[in-house]
Amino acid sequence: MEGYVVVAGTLLAGITLVVAALTARRLLAPSAPTPAKTTTYESGVDPLGDGWTQGQVRYLAYAYLYVIFAVDAVYLFPWALVLRTDLGVASLIEVAIFIGVVLVGLLHAARRGLLRWA
């Protein structure tokens, strides 16, 4: 039962801190709402028309490429640090397979023309 008391106390302390911070902000922060301040503002452009717009699909491809290289780095850096010790041939084969899969994704992106800068 002691574990539940500790969890309940921690939860209560967290809720108390959040409520105290919100209350202090409301009491101390200046408030002068004007129509200009309450208008939607996005990247320096005044809002025109309705709020819905369709995004372009090409950005999804760039996000996919980023994920490929980010995951690649996340797995290769620790492997390179451990490489100082003797990992053996099996580890080298596993990393070669991993890099091969990443290269297949890169070649697919290059074949679709996603790597052109122009």
PDB file of N, CA and C in Angstrom:
ATOM      1  N   MET A   1       0.812  -1.193   0.000  1.00  0.00           N
ATOM      2  CA  MET A   1       0.000   0.000   0.000  1.00  0.00           C
ATOM      3  C   MET A   1       0.858   1.260   0.000  1.00  0.00           C
ATOM      4  N   GLU A   2       2.119   1.150   0.486  1.00  0.00           N
ATOM      5  CA  GLU A   2       2.998   2.324   0.525  1.00  0.00           C
ATOM      6  C   GLU A   2       3.272   2.856  -0.870  1.00  0.00           C
ATOM      7  N   GLY A   3       3.401   1.977  -1.853  1.00  0.00           N
ATOM      8  CA  GLY A   3       3.674   2.401  -3.221  1.00  0.00           C
ATOM      9  C   GLY A   3       2.574   3.292  -3.774  1.00  0.00           C
ATOM     10  N   TYR A   4       1.337   2.959  -3.456  1.00  0.00           N
ATOM     11  CA  TYR A   4       0.213   3.762  -3.920  1.00  0.00           C
ATOM     12  C   TYR A   4       0.191   5.131  -3.258  1.00  0.00           C
ATOM     13  N   VAL A   5       0.598   5.197  -2.009  1.00  0.00           N
ATOM     14  CA  VAL A   5       0.643   6.481  -1.302  1.00  0.00           C
ATOM     15  C   VAL A   5       1.690   7.386  -1.946  1.00  0.00           C
ATOM     16  N   VAL A   6       2.835   6.815  -2.311  1.00  0.00           N
ATOM     17  CA  VAL A   6       3.889   7.592  -2.960  1.00  0.00           C
ATOM     18  C   VAL A   6       3.411   8.091  -4.327  1.00  0.00           C
ATOM     19  N   VAL A   7       2.767   7.223  -5.094  1.00  0.00           N
ATOM     20  CA  VAL A   7       2.261   7.624  -6.411  1.00  0.00           C
ATOM     21  C   VAL A   7       1.189   8.706  -6.263  1.00  0.00           C
ATOM     22  N   ALA A   8       0.290   8.535  -5.320  1.00  0.00           N
ATOM     23  CA  ALA A   8      -0.764   9.526  -5.101  1.00  0.00           C
ATOM     24  C   ALA A   8      -0.168  10.857  -4.650  1.00  0.00           C
ATOM     25  N   GLY A   9       0.828  10.812  -3.771  1.00  0.00           N
ATOM     26  CA  GLY A   9       1.485  12.042  -3.323  1.00  0.00           C
ATOM     27  C   GLY A   9       2.202  12.757  -4.456  1.00  0.00           C
ATOM     28  N   THR A  10       2.875  12.000  -5.306  1.00  0.00           N
ATOM     29  CA  THR A  10       3.566  12.585  -6.457  1.00  0.00           C
ATOM     30  C   THR A  10       2.564  13.189  -7.428  1.00  0.00           C
ATOM     31  N   LEU A  11       1.477  12.492  -7.687  1.00  0.00           N
ATOM     32  CA  LEU A  11       0.432  13.010  -8.569  1.00  0.00           C
ATOM     33  C   LEU A  11      -0.190  14.278  -7.985  1.00  0.00           C
ATOM     34  N   LEU A  12      -0.461  14.288  -6.706  1.00  0.00           N
ATOM     35  CA  LEU A  12      -1.035  15.461  -6.056  1.00  0.00           C
ATOM     36  C   LEU A  12      -0.060  16.639  -6.100  1.00  0.00           C
ATOM     37  N   ALA A  13       1.224  16.375  -5.864  1.00  0.00           N
ATOM     38  CA  ALA A  13       2.219  17.454  -5.924  1.00  0.00           C
ATOM     39  C   ALA A  13       2.321  18.009  -7.343  1.00  0.00           C
ATOM     40  N   GLY A  14       2.269  17.159  -8.343  1.00  0.00           N
ATOM     41  CA  GLY A  14       2.320  17.616  -9.730  1.00  0.00           C
ATOM     42  C   GLY A  14       1.123  18.468 -10.088  1.00  0.00           C
ATOM     43  N   ILE A  15      -0.053  18.021  -9.724  1.00  0.00           N
ATOM     44  CA  ILE A  15      -1.269  18.789 -10.009  1.00  0.00           C
ATOM     45  C   ILE A  15      -1.231  20.130  -9.271  1.00  0.00           C
ATOM     46  N   THR A  16      -0.765  20.124  -8.025  1.00  0.00           N
ATOM     47  CA  THR A  16      -0.668  21.364  -7.252  1.00  0.00           C
ATOM     48  C   THR A  16       0.286  22.349  -7.913  1.00  0.00           C
ATOM     49  N   LEU A  17       1.434  21.874  -8.392  1.00  0.00           N
ATOM     50  CA  LEU A  17       2.397  22.758  -9.054  1.00  0.00           C
ATOM     51  C   LEU A  17       1.838  23.340 -10.348  1.00  0.00           C
ATOM     52  N   VAL A  18       1.137  22.536 -11.118  1.00  0.00           N
ATOM     53  CA  VAL A  18       0.550  23.033 -12.368  1.00  0.00           C
ATOM     54  C   VAL A  18      -0.514  24.083 -12.072  1.00  0.00           C
ATOM     55  N   VAL A  19      -1.387  23.816 -11.114  1.00  0.00           N
ATOM     56  CA  VAL A  19      -2.433  24.778 -10.764  1.00  0.00           C
ATOM     57  C   VAL A  19      -1.808  26.055 -10.210  1.00  0.00           C
ATOM     58  N   ALA A  20      -0.768  25.939  -9.395  1.00  0.00           N
ATOM     59  CA  ALA A  20      -0.103  27.123  -8.844  1.00  0.00           C
ATOM     60  C   ALA A  20       0.545  27.947  -9.954  1.00  0.00           C
ATOM     61  N   ALA A  21       1.180  27.293 -10.919  1.00  0.00           N
ATOM     62  CA  ALA A  21       1.814  28.017 -12.027  1.00  0.00           C
ATOM     63  C   ALA A  21       0.770  28.729 -12.877  1.00  0.00           C
ATOM     64  N   LEU A  22      -0.340  28.060 -13.179  1.00  0.00           N
ATOM     65  CA  LEU A  22      -1.391  28.691 -13.981  1.00  0.00           C
ATOM     66  C   LEU A  22      -2.032  29.866 -13.241  1.00  0.00           C
ATOM     67  N   THR A  23      -2.215  29.709 -11.942  1.00  0.00           N
ATOM     68  CA  THR A  23      -2.801  30.792 -11.151  1.00  0.00           C
ATOM     69  C   THR A  23      -1.848  31.980 -11.079  1.00  0.00           C
ATOM     70  N   ALA A  24      -0.557  31.722 -10.872  1.00  0.00           N
ATOM     71  CA  ALA A  24       0.427  32.806 -10.815  1.00  0.00           C
ATOM     72  C   ALA A  24       0.508  33.528 -12.154  1.00  0.00           C
ATOM     73  N   ARG A  25       0.434  32.820 -13.241  1.00  0.00           N
ATOM     74  CA  ARG A  25       0.470  33.458 -14.554  1.00  0.00           C
ATOM     75  C   ARG A  25      -0.742  34.345 -14.752  1.00  0.00           C
ATOM     76  N   ARG A  26      -1.893  33.863 -14.374  1.00  0.00           N
ATOM     77  CA  ARG A  26      -3.114  34.649 -14.552  1.00  0.00           C
ATOM     78  C   ARG A  26      -3.082  35.913 -13.691  1.00  0.00           C
ATOM     79  N   LEU A  27      -2.521  35.811 -12.488  1.00  0.00           N
ATOM     80  CA  LEU A  27      -2.482  36.975 -11.596  1.00  0.00           C
ATOM     81  C   LEU A  27      -1.389  37.969 -11.979  1.00  0.00           C
ATOM     82  N   LEU A  28      -0.253  37.500 -12.472  1.00  0.00           N
ATOM     83  CA  LEU A  28       0.898  38.367 -12.713  1.00  0.00           C
ATOM     84  C   LEU A  28       1.040  38.860 -14.144  1.00  0.00           C
ATOM     85  N   ALA A  29       0.525  38.132 -15.119  1.00  0.00           N
ATOM     86  CA  ALA A  29       0.724  38.493 -16.524  1.00  0.00           C
ATOM     87  C   ALA A  29      -0.203  39.633 -16.913  1.00  0.00           C
ATOM     88  N   PRO A  30       0.323  40.576 -17.701  1.00  0.00           N
ATOM     89  CA  PRO A  30      -0.563  41.652 -18.172  1.00  0.00           C
ATOM     90  C   PRO A  30      -1.555  41.113 -19.198  1.00  0.00           C
ATOM     91  N   SER A  31      -2.728  41.691 -19.214  1.00  0.00           N
ATOM     92  CA  SER A  31      -3.752  41.255 -20.148  1.00  0.00           C
ATOM     93  C   SER A  31      -4.397  42.473 -20.787  1.00  0.00           C
ATOM     94  N   ALA A  32      -4.192  42.613 -22.107  1.00  0.00           N
ATOM     95  CA  ALA A  32      -4.805  43.716 -22.851  1.00  0.00           C
ATOM     96  C   ALA A  32      -5.217  43.192 -24.218  1.00  0.00           C
ATOM     97  N   PRO A  33      -6.265  42.336 -24.273  1.00  0.00           N
ATOM     98  CA  PRO A  33      -6.654  41.776 -25.565  1.00  0.00           C
ATOM     99  C   PRO A  33      -7.264  42.843 -26.472  1.00  0.00           C
ATOM    100  N   THR A  34      -6.779  42.880 -27.687  1.00  0.00           N
ATOM    101  CA  THR A  34      -7.320  43.769 -28.714  1.00  0.00           C
ATOM    102  C   THR A  34      -7.683  42.901 -29.910  1.00  0.00           C
ATOM    103  N   PRO A  35      -8.494  43.410 -30.823  1.00  0.00           N
ATOM    104  CA  PRO A  35      -8.823  42.600 -32.004  1.00  0.00           C
ATOM    105  C   PRO A  35      -7.587  42.183 -32.797  1.00  0.00           C
ATOM    106  N   ALA A  36      -6.571  43.038 -32.837  1.00  0.00           N
ATOM    107  CA  ALA A  36      -5.347  42.691 -33.574  1.00  0.00           C
ATOM    108  C   ALA A  36      -4.608  41.540 -32.897  1.00  0.00           C
ATOM    109  N   LYS A  37      -4.645  41.498 -31.562  1.00  0.00           N
ATOM    110  CA  LYS A  37      -3.939  40.438 -30.844  1.00  0.00           C
ATOM    111  C   LYS A  37      -4.666  39.101 -30.910  1.00  0.00           C
ATOM    112  N   THR A  38      -5.967  39.126 -31.081  1.00  0.00           N
ATOM    113  CA  THR A  38      -6.728  37.881 -31.108  1.00  0.00           C
ATOM    114  C   THR A  38      -6.907  37.325 -32.516  1.00  0.00           C
ATOM    115  N   THR A  39      -6.372  38.006 -33.529  1.00  0.00           N
ATOM    116  CA  THR A  39      -6.461  37.538 -34.912  1.00  0.00           C
ATOM    117  C   THR A  39      -5.460  36.413 -35.145  1.00  0.00           C
ATOM    118  N   THR A  40      -5.845  35.466 -35.956  1.00  0.00           N
ATOM    119  CA  THR A  40      -4.941  34.383 -36.305  1.00  0.00           C
ATOM    120  C   THR A  40      -3.772  34.941 -37.091  1.00  0.00           C
ATOM    121  N   TYR A  41      -2.569  34.494 -36.756  1.00  0.00           N
ATOM    122  CA  TYR A  41      -1.358  35.012 -37.392  1.00  0.00           C
ATOM    123  C   TYR A  41      -0.443  33.831 -37.679  1.00  0.00           C
ATOM    124  N   GLU A  42      -0.040  33.686 -38.916  1.00  0.00           N
ATOM    125  CA  GLU A  42       0.777  32.528 -39.290  1.00  0.00           C
ATOM    126  C   GLU A  42       1.940  32.976 -40.152  1.00  0.00           C
ATOM    127  N   SER A  43       3.136  32.941 -39.628  1.00  0.00           N
ATOM    128  CA  SER A  43       4.375  33.193 -40.377  1.00  0.00           C
ATOM    129  C   SER A  43       4.370  34.532 -41.094  1.00  0.00           C
ATOM    130  N   GLY A  44       3.834  35.545 -40.482  1.00  0.00           N
ATOM    131  CA  GLY A  44       3.869  36.875 -41.066  1.00  0.00           C
ATOM    132  C   GLY A  44       2.852  37.126 -42.155  1.00  0.00           C
ATOM    133  N   VAL A  45       1.926  36.211 -42.358  1.00  0.00           N
ATOM    134  CA  VAL A  45       0.926  36.352 -43.409  1.00  0.00           C
ATOM    135  C   VAL A  45      -0.433  36.550 -42.762  1.00  0.00           C
ATOM    136  N   ASP A  46      -1.138  37.589 -43.180  1.00  0.00           N
ATOM    137  CA  ASP A  46      -2.488  37.802 -42.666  1.00  0.00           C
ATOM    138  C   ASP A  46      -3.414  36.716 -43.195  1.00  0.00           C
ATOM    139  N   PRO A  47      -4.346  36.246 -42.386  1.00  0.00           N
ATOM    140  CA  PRO A  47      -5.251  35.193 -42.842  1.00  0.00           C
ATOM    141  C   PRO A  47      -6.230  35.709 -43.896  1.00  0.00           C
ATOM    142  N   LEU A  48      -6.396  34.933 -44.942  1.00  0.00           N
ATOM    143  CA  LEU A  48      -7.353  35.242 -46.002  1.00  0.00           C
ATOM    144  C   LEU A  48      -8.197  34.009 -46.267  1.00  0.00           C
ATOM    145  N   GLY A  49      -9.473  34.177 -46.441  1.00  0.00           N
ATOM    146  CA  GLY A  49     -10.351  33.050 -46.758  1.00  0.00           C
ATOM    147  C   GLY A  49     -10.549  32.140 -45.569  1.00  0.00           C
ATOM    148  N   ASP A  50     -10.937  30.895 -45.873  1.00  0.00           N
ATOM    149  CA  ASP A  50     -11.165  29.934 -44.797  1.00  0.00           C
ATOM    150  C   ASP A  50      -9.831  29.361 -44.314  1.00  0.00           C
ATOM    151  N   GLY A  51      -9.865  28.652 -43.222  1.00  0.00           N
ATOM    152  CA  GLY A  51      -8.645  28.160 -42.605  1.00  0.00           C
ATOM    153  C   GLY A  51      -8.132  26.856 -43.159  1.00  0.00           C
ATOM    154  N   TRP A  52      -8.833  26.245 -44.098  1.00  0.00           N
ATOM    155  CA  TRP A  52      -8.426  24.940 -44.589  1.00  0.00           C
ATOM    156  C   TRP A  52      -7.676  25.092 -45.904  1.00  0.00           C
ATOM    157  N   THR A  53      -6.553  24.435 -45.991  1.00  0.00           N
ATOM    158  CA  THR A  53      -5.801  24.399 -47.232  1.00  0.00           C
ATOM    159  C   THR A  53      -5.173  23.018 -47.365  1.00  0.00           C
ATOM    160  N   GLN A  54      -5.013  22.577 -48.558  1.00  0.00           N
ATOM    161  CA  GLN A  54      -4.458  21.249 -48.779  1.00  0.00           C
ATOM    162  C   GLN A  54      -2.945  21.343 -48.902  1.00  0.00           C
ATOM    163  N   GLY A  55      -2.244  20.537 -48.129  1.00  0.00           N
ATOM    164  CA  GLY A  55      -0.788  20.500 -48.205  1.00  0.00           C
ATOM    165  C   GLY A  55      -0.329  19.719 -49.417  1.00  0.00           C
ATOM    166  N   GLN A  56       0.920  19.926 -49.770  1.00  0.00           N
ATOM    167  CA  GLN A  56       1.455  19.236 -50.937  1.00  0.00           C
ATOM    168  C   GLN A  56       2.062  17.903 -50.528  1.00  0.00           C
ATOM    169  N   VAL A  57       1.855  16.923 -51.344  1.00  0.00           N
ATOM    170  CA  VAL A  57       2.296  15.568 -51.036  1.00  0.00           C
ATOM    171  C   VAL A  57       3.807  15.446 -51.116  1.00  0.00           C
ATOM    172  N   ARG A  58       4.460  16.309 -51.873  1.00  0.00           N
ATOM    173  CA  ARG A  58       5.907  16.167 -52.043  1.00  0.00           C
ATOM    174  C   ARG A  58       6.646  16.326 -50.718  1.00  0.00           C
ATOM    175  N   TYR A  59       6.068  17.058 -49.769  1.00  0.00           N
ATOM    176  CA  TYR A  59       6.723  17.206 -48.478  1.00  0.00           C
ATOM    177  C   TYR A  59       6.747  15.884 -47.714  1.00  0.00           C
ATOM    178  N   LEU A  60       5.810  15.020 -47.983  1.00  0.00           N
ATOM    179  CA  LEU A  60       5.807  13.703 -47.370  1.00  0.00           C
ATOM    180  C   LEU A  60       7.040  12.910 -47.796  1.00  0.00           C
ATOM    181  N   ALA A  61       7.439  13.049 -49.043  1.00  0.00           N
ATOM    182  CA  ALA A  61       8.633  12.357 -49.523  1.00  0.00           C
ATOM    183  C   ALA A  61       9.880  12.867 -48.810  1.00  0.00           C
ATOM    184  N   TYR A  62       9.965  14.184 -48.581  1.00  0.00           N
ATOM    185  CA  TYR A  62      11.120  14.724 -47.862  1.00  0.00           C
ATOM    186  C   TYR A  62      11.130  14.244 -46.410  1.00  0.00           C
ATOM    187  N   ALA A  63       9.968  14.146 -45.819  1.00  0.00           N
ATOM    188  CA  ALA A  63       9.890  13.623 -44.456  1.00  0.00           C
ATOM    189  C   ALA A  63      10.334  12.167 -44.421  1.00  0.00           C
ATOM    190  N   TYR A  64       9.953  11.408 -45.421  1.00  0.00           N
ATOM    191  CA  TYR A  64      10.358   9.999 -45.511  1.00  0.00           C
ATOM    192  C   TYR A  64      11.873   9.893 -45.626  1.00  0.00           C
ATOM    193  N   LEU A  65      12.469  10.727 -46.464  1.00  0.00           N
ATOM    194  CA  LEU A  65      13.930  10.711 -46.605  1.00  0.00           C
ATOM    195  C   LEU A  65      14.603  11.091 -45.297  1.00  0.00           C
ATOM    196  N   TYR A  66      14.058  12.065 -44.601  1.00  0.00           N
ATOM    197  CA  TYR A  66      14.632  12.455 -43.321  1.00  0.00           C
ATOM    198  C   TYR A  66      14.581  11.286 -42.335  1.00  0.00           C
ATOM    199  N   VAL A  67      13.459  10.608 -42.291  1.00  0.00           N
ATOM    200  CA  VAL A  67      13.332   9.482 -41.368  1.00  0.00           C
ATOM    201  C   VAL A  67      14.342   8.393 -41.719  1.00  0.00           C
ATOM    202  N   ILE A  68      14.533   8.147 -43.004  1.00  0.00           N
ATOM    203  CA  ILE A  68      15.504   7.132 -43.411  1.00  0.00           C
ATOM    204  C   ILE A  68      16.881   7.472 -42.850  1.00  0.00           C
ATOM    205  N   PHE A  69      17.309   8.716 -43.038  1.00  0.00           N
ATOM    206  CA  PHE A  69      18.658   9.070 -42.612  1.00  0.00           C
ATOM    207  C   PHE A  69      18.766   9.277 -41.109  1.00  0.00           C
ATOM    208  N   ALA A  70      17.708   9.706 -40.455  1.00  0.00           N
ATOM    209  CA  ALA A  70      17.738   9.857 -39.002  1.00  0.00           C
ATOM    210  C   ALA A  70      17.823   8.495 -38.329  1.00  0.00           C
ATOM    211  N   VAL A  71      17.033   7.551 -38.789  1.00  0.00           N
ATOM    212  CA  VAL A  71      17.078   6.203 -38.217  1.00  0.00           C
ATOM    213  C   VAL A  71      18.432   5.567 -38.513  1.00  0.00           C
ATOM    214  N   ASP A  72      18.939   5.822 -39.691  1.00  0.00           N
ATOM    215  CA  ASP A  72      20.257   5.310 -40.056  1.00  0.00           C
ATOM    216  C   ASP A  72      21.300   5.811 -39.068  1.00  0.00           C
ATOM    217  N   ALA A  73      21.285   7.096 -38.772  1.00  0.00           N
ATOM    218  CA  ALA A  73      22.267   7.665 -37.856  1.00  0.00           C
ATOM    219  C   ALA A  73      22.074   7.136 -36.439  1.00  0.00           C
ATOM    220  N   VAL A  74      20.821   6.978 -36.013  1.00  0.00           N
ATOM    221  CA  VAL A  74      20.555   6.500 -34.657  1.00  0.00           C
ATOM    222  C   VAL A  74      21.128   5.100 -34.445  1.00  0.00           C
ATOM    223  N   TYR A  75      21.087   4.270 -35.475  1.00  0.00           N
ATOM    224  CA  TYR A  75      21.605   2.917 -35.324  1.00  0.00           C
ATOM    225  C   TYR A  75      23.096   2.810 -35.629  1.00  0.00           C
ATOM    226  N   LEU A  76      23.620   3.652 -36.497  1.00  0.00           N
ATOM    227  CA  LEU A  76      25.028   3.508 -36.875  1.00  0.00           C
ATOM    228  C   LEU A  76      25.996   4.143 -35.880  1.00  0.00           C
ATOM    229  N   PHE A  77      25.638   5.257 -35.254  1.00  0.00           N
ATOM    230  CA  PHE A  77      26.563   5.881 -34.316  1.00  0.00           C
ATOM    231  C   PHE A  77      26.870   4.986 -33.119  1.00  0.00           C
ATOM    232  N   PRO A  78      25.872   4.400 -32.453  1.00  0.00           N
ATOM    233  CA  PRO A  78      26.224   3.492 -31.354  1.00  0.00           C
ATOM    234  C   PRO A  78      27.015   2.280 -31.831  1.00  0.00           C
ATOM    235  N   TRP A  79      26.698   1.773 -33.007  1.00  0.00           N
ATOM    236  CA  TRP A  79      27.445   0.634 -33.544  1.00  0.00           C
ATOM    237  C   TRP A  79      28.897   1.027 -33.775  1.00  0.00           C
ATOM    238  N   ALA A  80      29.120   2.231 -34.277  1.00  0.00           N
ATOM    239  CA  ALA A  80      30.491   2.686 -34.528  1.00  0.00           C
ATOM    240  C   ALA A  80      31.255   2.864 -33.220  1.00  0.00           C
ATOM    241  N   LEU A  81      30.571   3.283 -32.161  1.00  0.00           N
ATOM    242  CA  LEU A  81      31.247   3.432 -30.880  1.00  0.00           C
ATOM    243  C   LEU A  81      31.623   2.084 -30.285  1.00  0.00           C
ATOM    244  N   VAL A  82      30.783   1.090 -30.477  1.00  0.00           N
ATOM    245  CA  VAL A  82      31.060  -0.237 -29.944  1.00  0.00           C
ATOM    246  C   VAL A  82      32.053  -0.976 -30.839  1.00  0.00           C
ATOM    247  N   LEU A  83      32.253  -0.471 -32.031  1.00  0.00           N
ATOM    248  CA  LEU A  83      33.146  -1.105 -32.989  1.00  0.00           C
ATOM    249  C   LEU A  83      34.573  -1.205 -32.461  1.00  0.00           C
ATOM    250  N   ARG A  84      34.918  -0.376 -31.492  1.00  0.00           N
ATOM    251  CA  ARG A  84      36.265  -0.411 -30.922  1.00  0.00           C
ATOM    252  C   ARG A  84      36.562  -1.775 -30.297  1.00  0.00           C
ATOM    253  N   THR A  85      35.529  -2.427 -29.811  1.00  0.00           N
ATOM    254  CA  THR A  85      35.718  -3.771 -29.281  1.00  0.00           C
ATOM    255  C   THR A  85      35.563  -4.774 -30.419  1.00  0.00           C
ATOM    256  N   ASP A  86      35.854  -6.002 -30.146  1.00  0.00           N
ATOM    257  CA  ASP A  86      35.771  -7.035 -31.188  1.00  0.00           C
ATOM    258  C   ASP A  86      34.328  -7.503 -31.319  1.00  0.00           C
ATOM    259  N   LEU A  87      33.649  -7.083 -32.390  1.00  0.00           N
ATOM    260  CA  LEU A  87      32.265  -7.481 -32.604  1.00  0.00           C
ATOM    261  C   LEU A  87      32.146  -8.733 -33.455  1.00  0.00           C
ATOM    262  N   GLY A  88      33.104  -8.981 -34.268  1.00  0.00           N
ATOM    263  CA  GLY A  88      33.075 -10.175 -35.092  1.00  0.00           C
ATOM    264  C   GLY A  88      32.456  -9.941 -36.448  1.00  0.00           C
ATOM    265  N   VAL A  89      32.466 -10.995 -37.246  1.00  0.00           N
ATOM    266  CA  VAL A  89      31.990 -10.935 -38.619  1.00  0.00           C
ATOM    267  C   VAL A  89      30.467 -10.819 -38.666  1.00  0.00           C
ATOM    268  N   ALA A  90      29.769 -11.428 -37.722  1.00  0.00           N
ATOM    269  CA  ALA A  90      28.306 -11.392 -37.722  1.00  0.00           C
ATOM    270  C   ALA A  90      27.800  -9.951 -37.619  1.00  0.00           C
ATOM    271  N   SER A  91      28.424  -9.157 -36.760  1.00  0.00           N
ATOM    272  CA  SER A  91      28.022  -7.762 -36.619  1.00  0.00           C
ATOM    273  C   SER A  91      28.274  -6.980 -37.896  1.00  0.00           C
ATOM    274  N   LEU A  92      29.377  -7.244 -38.540  1.00  0.00           N
ATOM    275  CA  LEU A  92      29.684  -6.568 -39.796  1.00  0.00           C
ATOM    276  C   LEU A  92      28.662  -6.916 -40.877  1.00  0.00           C
ATOM    277  N   ILE A  93      28.232  -8.156 -40.932  1.00  0.00           N
ATOM    278  CA  ILE A  93      27.226  -8.582 -41.908  1.00  0.00           C
ATOM    279  C   ILE A  93      25.880  -7.928 -41.606  1.00  0.00           C
ATOM    280  N   GLU A  94      25.516  -7.871 -40.327  1.00  0.00           N
ATOM    281  CA  GLU A  94      24.249  -7.235 -39.953  1.00  0.00           C
ATOM    282  C   GLU A  94      24.227  -5.764 -40.349  1.00  0.00           C
ATOM    283  N   VAL A  95      25.316  -5.049 -40.116  1.00  0.00           N
ATOM    284  CA  VAL A  95      25.362  -3.636 -40.476  1.00  0.00           C
ATOM    285  C   VAL A  95      25.378  -3.475 -41.983  1.00  0.00           C
ATOM    286  N   ALA A  96      26.036  -4.373 -42.692  1.00  0.00           N
ATOM    287  CA  ALA A  96      26.027  -4.305 -44.159  1.00  0.00           C
ATOM    288  C   ALA A  96      24.599  -4.497 -44.689  1.00  0.00           C
ATOM    289  N   ILE A  97      23.841  -5.406 -44.096  1.00  0.00           N
ATOM    290  CA  ILE A  97      22.444  -5.599 -44.499  1.00  0.00           C
ATOM    291  C   ILE A  97      21.629  -4.339 -44.194  1.00  0.00           C
ATOM    292  N   PHE A  98      21.854  -3.749 -43.030  1.00  0.00           N
ATOM    293  CA  PHE A  98      21.142  -2.538 -42.646  1.00  0.00           C
ATOM    294  C   PHE A  98      21.447  -1.401 -43.619  1.00  0.00           C
ATOM    295  N   ILE A  99      22.705  -1.190 -43.924  1.00  0.00           N
ATOM    296  CA  ILE A  99      23.082  -0.137 -44.873  1.00  0.00           C
ATOM    297  C   ILE A  99      22.530  -0.460 -46.254  1.00  0.00           C
ATOM    298  N   GLY A 100      22.472  -1.729 -46.616  1.00  0.00           N
ATOM    299  CA  GLY A 100      21.892  -2.114 -47.903  1.00  0.00           C
ATOM    300  C   GLY A 100      20.421  -1.735 -47.989  1.00  0.00           C
ATOM    301  N   VAL A 101      19.674  -1.950 -46.909  1.00  0.00           N
ATOM    302  CA  VAL A 101      18.252  -1.580 -46.898  1.00  0.00           C
ATOM    303  C   VAL A 101      18.100  -0.067 -47.009  1.00  0.00           C
ATOM    304  N   VAL A 102      18.947   0.681 -46.308  1.00  0.00           N
ATOM    305  CA  VAL A 102      18.895   2.140 -46.399  1.00  0.00           C
ATOM    306  C   VAL A 102      19.251   2.594 -47.812  1.00  0.00           C
ATOM    307  N   LEU A 103      20.235   1.952 -48.432  1.00  0.00           N
ATOM    308  CA  LEU A 103      20.609   2.308 -49.799  1.00  0.00           C
ATOM    309  C   LEU A 103      19.488   2.001 -50.790  1.00  0.00           C
ATOM    310  N   VAL A 104      18.728   0.940 -50.546  1.00  0.00           N
ATOM    311  CA  VAL A 104      17.582   0.650 -51.423  1.00  0.00           C
ATOM    312  C   VAL A 104      16.587   1.807 -51.354  1.00  0.00           C
ATOM    313  N   GLY A 105      16.312   2.332 -50.143  1.00  0.00           N
ATOM    314  CA  GLY A 105      15.424   3.486 -49.996  1.00  0.00           C
ATOM    315  C   GLY A 105      15.991   4.719 -50.679  1.00  0.00           C
ATOM    316  N   LEU A 106      17.299   4.919 -50.570  1.00  0.00           N
ATOM    317  CA  LEU A 106      17.939   6.058 -51.217  1.00  0.00           C
ATOM    318  C   LEU A 106      17.899   5.933 -52.732  1.00  0.00           C
ATOM    319  N   LEU A 107      18.149   4.758 -53.246  1.00  0.00           N
ATOM    320  CA  LEU A 107      18.086   4.546 -54.695  1.00  0.00           C
ATOM    321  C   LEU A 107      16.662   4.730 -55.218  1.00  0.00           C
ATOM    322  N   HIS A 108      15.685   4.287 -54.459  1.00  0.00           N
ATOM    323  CA  HIS A 108      14.287   4.487 -54.847  1.00  0.00           C
ATOM    324  C   HIS A 108      13.968   5.978 -54.919  1.00  0.00           C
ATOM    325  N   ALA A 109      14.439   6.734 -53.918  1.00  0.00           N
ATOM    326  CA  ALA A 109      14.203   8.179 -53.924  1.00  0.00           C
ATOM    327  C   ALA A 109      14.915   8.837 -55.097  1.00  0.00           C
ATOM    328  N   ALA A 110      16.125   8.410 -55.391  1.00  0.00           N
ATOM    329  CA  ALA A 110      16.870   8.983 -56.517  1.00  0.00           C
ATOM    330  C   ALA A 110      16.185   8.646 -57.837  1.00  0.00           C
ATOM    331  N   ARG A 111      15.676   7.438 -57.956  1.00  0.00           N
ATOM    332  CA  ARG A 111      14.997   7.034 -59.193  1.00  0.00           C
ATOM    333  C   ARG A 111      13.716   7.824 -59.427  1.00  0.00           C
ATOM    334  N   ARG A 112      13.045   8.191 -58.352  1.00  0.00           N
ATOM    335  CA  ARG A 112      11.815   9.003 -58.473  1.00  0.00           C
ATOM    336  C   ARG A 112      12.114  10.480 -58.655  1.00  0.00           C
ATOM    337  N   GLY A 113      13.383  10.863 -58.582  1.00  0.00           N
ATOM    338  CA  GLY A 113      13.769  12.256 -58.787  1.00  0.00           C
ATOM    339  C   GLY A 113      13.628  13.119 -57.565  1.00  0.00           C
ATOM    340  N   LEU A 114      13.577  12.528 -56.377  1.00  0.00           N
ATOM    341  CA  LEU A 114      13.392  13.301 -55.159  1.00  0.00           C
ATOM    342  C   LEU A 114      14.661  13.966 -54.669  1.00  0.00           C
ATOM    343  N   LEU A 115      15.806  13.584 -55.200  1.00  0.00           N
ATOM    344  CA  LEU A 115      17.065  14.139 -54.729  1.00  0.00           C
ATOM    345  C   LEU A 115      17.544  15.301 -55.569  1.00  0.00           C
ATOM    346  N   ARG A 116      16.789  15.698 -56.569  1.00  0.00           N
ATOM    347  CA  ARG A 116      17.164  16.868 -57.385  1.00  0.00           C
ATOM    348  C   ARG A 116      16.838  18.131 -56.614  1.00  0.00           C
ATOM    349  N   TRP A 117      17.734  19.094 -56.630  1.00  0.00           N
ATOM    350  CA  TRP A 117      17.558  20.336 -55.889  1.00  0.00           C
ATOM    351  C   TRP A 117      16.827  21.392 -56.700  1.00  0.00           C
ATOM    352  N   ALA A 118      16.741  21.212 -57.987  1.00  0.00           N
ATOM    353  CA  ALA A 118      16.114  22.245 -58.825  1.00  0.00           C
ATOM    354  C   ALA A 118      14.647  22.008 -58.986  1.00  0.00           C
TER     355      ALA A 118
END
